[in-house]
C-alpha atoms as a PDB file:
ATOM      1  CA  TYR A   1      63.323 119.929  84.620  1.00  0.00           C
ATOM      2  CA  SER A   2      61.157 122.749  85.874  1.00  0.00           C
ATOM      3  CA  TRP A   3      57.676 123.765  84.672  1.00  0.00           C
ATOM      4  CA  GLY A   4      57.746 127.295  83.361  1.00  0.00           C
ATOM      5  CA  GLN A   5      61.509 127.399  82.865  1.00  0.00           C
ATOM      6  CA  PRO A   6      63.486 126.019  79.922  1.00  0.00           C
ATOM      7  CA  SER A   7      65.545 122.996  80.904  1.00  0.00           C
ATOM      8  CA  ARG A   8      69.191 122.569  80.056  1.00  0.00           C
ATOM      9  CA  ASP A   9      70.928 119.413  78.934  1.00  0.00           C
ATOM     10  CA  SER A  10      73.745 118.684  81.408  1.00  0.00           C
ATOM     11  CA  ARG A  11      75.808 117.269  78.520  1.00  0.00           C
ATOM     12  CA  ASN A  12      75.407 120.492  76.529  1.00  0.00           C
ATOM     13  CA  PRO A  13      74.668 123.332  78.997  1.00  0.00           C
ATOM     14  CA  ASP A  14      74.522 126.011  76.277  1.00  0.00           C
ATOM     15  CA  GLU A  15      71.567 124.315  74.555  1.00  0.00           C
ATOM     16  CA  VAL A  16      68.158 125.383  75.914  1.00  0.00           C
ATOM     17  CA  LYS A  17      65.291 122.943  75.329  1.00  0.00           C
ATOM     18  CA  GLU A  18      61.750 124.121  74.775  1.00  0.00           C
ATOM     19  CA  ILE A  19      59.401 123.421  77.665  1.00  0.00           C
ATOM     20  CA  PRO A  20      56.296 121.240  77.254  1.00  0.00           C
ATOM     21  CA  GLU A  21      53.085 123.199  76.832  1.00  0.00           C
ATOM     22  CA  PHE A  22      49.410 122.331  76.469  1.00  0.00           C
ATOM     23  CA  GLN A  23      47.905 123.027  73.052  1.00  0.00           C
ATOM     24  CA  VAL A  24      44.478 124.576  72.697  1.00  0.00           C
ATOM     25  CA  ALA A  25      41.964 121.755  72.297  1.00  0.00           C
ATOM     26  CA  THR A  26      38.222 121.437  71.956  1.00  0.00           C
ATOM     27  CA  SER A  27      36.559 123.670  74.498  1.00  0.00           C
ATOM     28  CA  SER A  28      33.112 122.089  74.289  1.00  0.00           C
ATOM     29  CA  ILE A  29      32.577 118.543  75.579  1.00  0.00           C
ATOM     30  CA  THR A  30      29.150 116.880  75.783  1.00  0.00           C
ATOM     31  CA  SER A  31      28.386 113.937  78.055  1.00  0.00           C
ATOM     32  CA  LEU A  32      25.501 112.035  79.601  1.00  0.00           C
ATOM     33  CA  VAL A  33      24.891 112.315  83.340  1.00  0.00           C
ATOM     34  CA  GLY A  34      26.541 109.443  85.215  1.00  0.00           C
ATOM     35  CA  GLN A  35      28.762 108.389  82.294  1.00  0.00           C
ATOM     36  CA  PRO A  36      32.570 108.641  82.145  1.00  0.00           C
ATOM     37  CA  VAL A  37      34.036 111.556  80.216  1.00  0.00           C
ATOM     38  CA  TYR A  38      37.433 111.459  78.516  1.00  0.00           C
ATOM     39  CA  LEU A  39      39.052 114.847  78.111  1.00  0.00           C
ATOM     40  CA  PRO A  40      41.509 115.059  75.207  1.00  0.00           C
ATOM     41  CA  CYS A  41      44.845 116.691  75.904  1.00  0.00           C
ATOM     42  CA  ARG A  42      47.690 117.562  73.515  1.00  0.00           C
ATOM     43  CA  VAL A  43      51.137 118.566  74.706  1.00  0.00           C
ATOM     44  CA  ARG A  44      53.815 120.146  72.501  1.00  0.00           C
ATOM     45  CA  ASN A  45      57.550 119.675  73.108  1.00  0.00           C
ATOM     46  CA  LEU A  46      57.011 116.591  75.259  1.00  0.00           C
ATOM     47  CA  GLY A  47      60.185 114.945  73.968  1.00  0.00           C
ATOM     48  CA  ASP A  48      60.933 111.649  75.717  1.00  0.00           C
ATOM     49  CA  ARG A  49      58.887 112.532  78.817  1.00  0.00           C
ATOM     50  CA  VAL A  50      55.824 110.444  79.549  1.00  0.00           C
END
């Protein structure tokens, strides 16, 4: 697997898989000073990758 390049299944080399990509998410996050912030992230075409 390579970021930016479609990966190929070694069992079926003619089949090109779509690469994972970040989806557009909320661009405005509000937090209190000194508190943890959790940034949401959505990824398309993740498949069985974790």
